[in-house]
Amino acid sequence: MVKLLDYADQDQNLEANPNPFALVTAAHLRARQTKHNPEQRYQATRTLVRLLYTHGWSRQRVLDLFSVLDWMMRLPDGLAQQLWRDIAQIEGETQMKYVTSVERLAIEQGMQQGEARGHAEGEAEGEAAVLTRSFNPQF
């Protein structure tokens, strides 16, 4: 039996280890360390994602491990979008296309549709409030 907290002082060893479980352990420890600091969590996630590209793993292994990292180290929407931009930059540097351009475009399109939907809902709520006030001045 092993406690993951026993590895809390071994960040560099975990990150250098080619065993995928070492990276998952590092992610768990970083998630605990950055629980209340989204900016630090973003930086930690970015570092771990960069490591995914340096181990020479298969595309499927990188995607699987990225899914685990994404689940363990959930980021707020703005930082998640920044991470996607960083992944594109990392891919360009390493010339490894684990997230295809089609996948990236689909994600960006989904984000744009979500923003448009949110904007439309906000406008509708604003118009409803104006109508409510104009017909019932007590509000």
C-alpha atoms as a PDB file:
ATOM      1  CA  MET A   1       0.000   0.000   0.000  1.00  0.00           C
ATOM      2  CA  VAL A   2       1.262   3.461  -0.906  1.00  0.00           C
ATOM      3  CA  LYS A   3       0.048   6.904   0.107  1.00  0.00           C
ATOM      4  CA  LEU A   4       0.341   9.417  -2.709  1.00  0.00           C
ATOM      5  CA  LEU A   5       1.152  12.149  -0.202  1.00  0.00           C
ATOM      6  CA  ASP A   6       4.413  10.299   0.513  1.00  0.00           C
ATOM      7  CA  TYR A   7       5.538  11.537  -2.928  1.00  0.00           C
ATOM      8  CA  ALA A   8       4.712  15.206  -2.263  1.00  0.00           C
ATOM      9  CA  ASP A   9       8.382  16.204  -2.152  1.00  0.00           C
ATOM     10  CA  GLN A  10       9.325  14.275  -5.297  1.00  0.00           C
ATOM     11  CA  ASP A  11       7.740  16.456  -8.018  1.00  0.00           C
ATOM     12  CA  GLN A  12      10.825  16.479 -10.232  1.00  0.00           C
ATOM     13  CA  ASN A  13      11.312  12.710  -9.999  1.00  0.00           C
ATOM     14  CA  LEU A  14       7.658  12.050 -10.815  1.00  0.00           C
ATOM     15  CA  GLU A  15       7.703  14.399 -13.805  1.00  0.00           C
ATOM     16  CA  ALA A  16      10.902  12.867 -15.196  1.00  0.00           C
ATOM     17  CA  ASN A  17       9.676   9.296 -14.768  1.00  0.00           C
ATOM     18  CA  PRO A  18       8.445   7.686 -18.029  1.00  0.00           C
ATOM     19  CA  ASN A  19       5.811   5.662 -16.175  1.00  0.00           C
ATOM     20  CA  PRO A  20       2.360   7.178 -16.854  1.00  0.00           C
ATOM     21  CA  PHE A  21       1.327   6.493 -13.248  1.00  0.00           C
ATOM     22  CA  ALA A  22       4.081   8.829 -12.088  1.00  0.00           C
ATOM     23  CA  LEU A  23       2.526  11.608 -14.164  1.00  0.00           C
ATOM     24  CA  VAL A  24      -0.939  10.829 -12.761  1.00  0.00           C
ATOM     25  CA  THR A  25       0.526  10.919  -9.241  1.00  0.00           C
ATOM     26  CA  ALA A  26       2.137  14.285  -9.998  1.00  0.00           C
ATOM     27  CA  ALA A  27      -1.217  15.538 -11.312  1.00  0.00           C
ATOM     28  CA  HIS A  28      -2.982  14.406  -8.139  1.00  0.00           C
ATOM     29  CA  LEU A  29      -0.439  16.179  -5.957  1.00  0.00           C
ATOM     30  CA  ARG A  30      -0.587  19.344  -8.059  1.00  0.00           C
ATOM     31  CA  ALA A  31      -4.390  19.297  -7.985  1.00  0.00           C
ATOM     32  CA  ARG A  32      -4.277  19.223  -4.180  1.00  0.00           C
ATOM     33  CA  GLN A  33      -1.650  21.989  -4.042  1.00  0.00           C
ATOM     34  CA  THR A  34      -3.598  24.289  -6.370  1.00  0.00           C
ATOM     35  CA  LYS A  35      -7.109  23.564  -5.135  1.00  0.00           C
ATOM     36  CA  HIS A  36      -7.968  27.202  -4.374  1.00  0.00           C
ATOM     37  CA  ASN A  37      -5.739  28.961  -6.911  1.00  0.00           C
ATOM     38  CA  PRO A  38      -6.951  28.676 -10.527  1.00  0.00           C
ATOM     39  CA  GLU A  39      -3.929  30.498 -11.962  1.00  0.00           C
ATOM     40  CA  GLN A  40      -1.485  28.129 -10.255  1.00  0.00           C
ATOM     41  CA  ARG A  41      -3.612  25.173 -11.364  1.00  0.00           C
ATOM     42  CA  TYR A  42      -3.469  26.447 -14.947  1.00  0.00           C
ATOM     43  CA  GLN A  43       0.340  26.713 -14.757  1.00  0.00           C
ATOM     44  CA  ALA A  44       0.611  23.223 -13.237  1.00  0.00           C
ATOM     45  CA  THR A  45      -1.703  21.742 -15.860  1.00  0.00           C
ATOM     46  CA  ARG A  46       0.236  23.431 -18.641  1.00  0.00           C
ATOM     47  CA  THR A  47       3.482  21.976 -17.294  1.00  0.00           C
ATOM     48  CA  LEU A  48       2.006  18.477 -17.114  1.00  0.00           C
ATOM     49  CA  VAL A  49       0.496  18.742 -20.601  1.00  0.00           C
ATOM     50  CA  ARG A  50       3.892  19.765 -21.944  1.00  0.00           C
ATOM     51  CA  LEU A  51       5.320  16.619 -20.332  1.00  0.00           C
ATOM     52  CA  LEU A  52       2.786  14.493 -22.212  1.00  0.00           C
ATOM     53  CA  TYR A  53       4.416  15.600 -25.449  1.00  0.00           C
ATOM     54  CA  THR A  54       7.971  14.843 -24.325  1.00  0.00           C
ATOM     55  CA  HIS A  55       7.687  11.167 -23.412  1.00  0.00           C
ATOM     56  CA  GLY A  56       7.258   9.862 -26.961  1.00  0.00           C
ATOM     57  CA  TRP A  57       4.017   8.073 -26.130  1.00  0.00           C
ATOM     58  CA  SER A  58       1.445   7.004 -28.696  1.00  0.00           C
ATOM     59  CA  ARG A  59      -1.311   9.414 -29.677  1.00  0.00           C
ATOM     60  CA  GLN A  60      -3.900   7.321 -27.821  1.00  0.00           C
ATOM     61  CA  ARG A  61      -1.863   7.248 -24.611  1.00  0.00           C
ATOM     62  CA  VAL A  62      -1.408  11.026 -24.733  1.00  0.00           C
ATOM     63  CA  LEU A  63      -5.152  11.530 -25.276  1.00  0.00           C
ATOM     64  CA  ASP A  64      -6.030   9.121 -22.478  1.00  0.00           C
ATOM     65  CA  LEU A  65      -3.652  10.780 -20.038  1.00  0.00           C
ATOM     66  CA  PHE A  66      -4.811  14.235 -21.093  1.00  0.00           C
ATOM     67  CA  SER A  67      -8.387  13.158 -20.295  1.00  0.00           C
ATOM     68  CA  VAL A  68      -7.277  12.134 -16.812  1.00  0.00           C
ATOM     69  CA  LEU A  69      -5.392  15.402 -16.289  1.00  0.00           C
ATOM     70  CA  ASP A  70      -8.357  17.415 -17.536  1.00  0.00           C
ATOM     71  CA  TRP A  71     -10.676  15.582 -15.159  1.00  0.00           C
ATOM     72  CA  MET A  72      -8.350  15.875 -12.155  1.00  0.00           C
ATOM     73  CA  MET A  73      -7.344  19.489 -12.704  1.00  0.00           C
ATOM     74  CA  ARG A  74     -10.543  21.146 -13.912  1.00  0.00           C
ATOM     75  CA  LEU A  75      -9.961  24.754 -14.984  1.00  0.00           C
ATOM     76  CA  PRO A  76     -12.381  27.678 -15.225  1.00  0.00           C
ATOM     77  CA  ASP A  77     -13.574  28.320 -18.796  1.00  0.00           C
ATOM     78  CA  GLY A  78     -11.236  31.233 -19.527  1.00  0.00           C
ATOM     79  CA  LEU A  79      -8.162  29.349 -18.372  1.00  0.00           C
ATOM     80  CA  ALA A  80      -9.317  26.201 -20.175  1.00  0.00           C
ATOM     81  CA  GLN A  81      -9.492  28.195 -23.422  1.00  0.00           C
ATOM     82  CA  GLN A  82      -6.002  29.560 -22.750  1.00  0.00           C
ATOM     83  CA  LEU A  83      -4.784  25.991 -22.185  1.00  0.00           C
ATOM     84  CA  TRP A  84      -6.152  24.984 -25.618  1.00  0.00           C
ATOM     85  CA  ARG A  85      -4.193  27.834 -27.182  1.00  0.00           C
ATOM     86  CA  ASP A  86      -1.116  26.693 -25.278  1.00  0.00           C
ATOM     87  CA  ILE A  87      -1.597  23.125 -26.509  1.00  0.00           C
ATOM     88  CA  ALA A  88      -1.627  24.421 -30.079  1.00  0.00           C
ATOM     89  CA  GLN A  89       1.653  26.213 -29.382  1.00  0.00           C
ATOM     90  CA  ILE A  90       3.175  23.136 -27.718  1.00  0.00           C
ATOM     91  CA  GLU A  91       2.112  21.002 -30.684  1.00  0.00           C
ATOM     92  CA  GLY A  92       3.774  23.454 -33.021  1.00  0.00           C
ATOM     93  CA  GLU A  93       6.983  23.316 -31.015  1.00  0.00           C
ATOM     94  CA  THR A  94       7.033  19.532 -30.847  1.00  0.00           C
ATOM     95  CA  GLN A  95       5.432  18.983 -34.256  1.00  0.00           C
ATOM     96  CA  MET A  96       3.143  16.343 -32.744  1.00  0.00           C
ATOM     97  CA  LYS A  97      -0.490  16.746 -33.670  1.00  0.00           C
ATOM     98  CA  TYR A  98      -2.283  14.856 -30.908  1.00  0.00           C
ATOM     99  CA  VAL A  99      -5.243  17.235 -31.005  1.00  0.00           C
ATOM    100  CA  THR A 100      -6.037  17.636 -34.667  1.00  0.00           C
ATOM    101  CA  SER A 101      -6.877  20.965 -36.230  1.00  0.00           C
ATOM    102  CA  VAL A 102     -10.376  19.661 -36.982  1.00  0.00           C
ATOM    103  CA  GLU A 103     -10.848  18.807 -33.301  1.00  0.00           C
ATOM    104  CA  ARG A 104      -9.548  22.240 -32.295  1.00  0.00           C
ATOM    105  CA  LEU A 105     -11.862  23.979 -34.784  1.00  0.00           C
ATOM    106  CA  ALA A 106     -14.822  21.985 -33.492  1.00  0.00           C
ATOM    107  CA  ILE A 107     -13.975  23.021 -29.939  1.00  0.00           C
ATOM    108  CA  GLU A 108     -13.611  26.677 -30.936  1.00  0.00           C
ATOM    109  CA  GLN A 109     -16.895  26.560 -32.856  1.00  0.00           C
ATOM    110  CA  GLY A 110     -18.629  25.029 -29.831  1.00  0.00           C
ATOM    111  CA  MET A 111     -17.239  27.784 -27.607  1.00  0.00           C
ATOM    112  CA  GLN A 112     -18.403  30.479 -30.034  1.00  0.00           C
ATOM    113  CA  GLN A 113     -21.875  28.954 -30.216  1.00  0.00           C
ATOM    114  CA  GLY A 114     -22.016  28.827 -26.416  1.00  0.00           C
ATOM    115  CA  GLU A 115     -20.988  32.484 -26.184  1.00  0.00           C
ATOM    116  CA  ALA A 116     -23.594  33.483 -28.792  1.00  0.00           C
ATOM    117  CA  ARG A 117     -26.289  31.510 -26.984  1.00  0.00           C
ATOM    118  CA  GLY A 118     -25.334  33.133 -23.668  1.00  0.00           C
ATOM    119  CA  HIS A 119     -25.378  36.581 -25.282  1.00  0.00           C
ATOM    120  CA  ALA A 120     -28.832  35.962 -26.785  1.00  0.00           C
ATOM    121  CA  GLU A 121     -30.190  34.714 -23.458  1.00  0.00           C
ATOM    122  CA  GLY A 122     -28.764  37.782 -21.699  1.00  0.00           C
ATOM    123  CA  GLU A 123     -30.433  40.094 -24.219  1.00  0.00           C
ATOM    124  CA  ALA A 124     -33.753  38.285 -23.812  1.00  0.00           C
ATOM    125  CA  GLU A 125     -33.568  38.601 -20.026  1.00  0.00           C
ATOM    126  CA  GLY A 126     -32.728  42.299 -20.325  1.00  0.00           C
ATOM    127  CA  GLU A 127     -35.661  42.919 -22.667  1.00  0.00           C
ATOM    128  CA  ALA A 128     -37.988  41.033 -20.319  1.00  0.00           C
ATOM    129  CA  ALA A 129     -36.835  43.178 -17.406  1.00  0.00           C
ATOM    130  CA  VAL A 130     -37.459  46.388 -19.384  1.00  0.00           C
ATOM    131  CA  LEU A 131     -40.942  45.215 -20.358  1.00  0.00           C
ATOM    132  CA  THR A 132     -41.720  44.227 -16.793  1.00  0.00           C
ATOM    133  CA  ARG A 133     -40.650  47.649 -15.526  1.00  0.00           C
ATOM    134  CA  SER A 134     -42.572  49.521 -18.221  1.00  0.00           C
ATOM    135  CA  PHE A 135     -45.837  47.672 -17.468  1.00  0.00           C
ATOM    136  CA  ASN A 136     -45.367  47.523 -13.732  1.00  0.00           C
ATOM    137  CA  PRO A 137     -43.315  50.498 -12.448  1.00  0.00           C
ATOM    138  CA  GLN A 138     -43.071  48.991  -8.948  1.00  0.00           C
ATOM    139  CA  PHE A 139     -40.260  46.676 -10.149  1.00  0.00           C
END
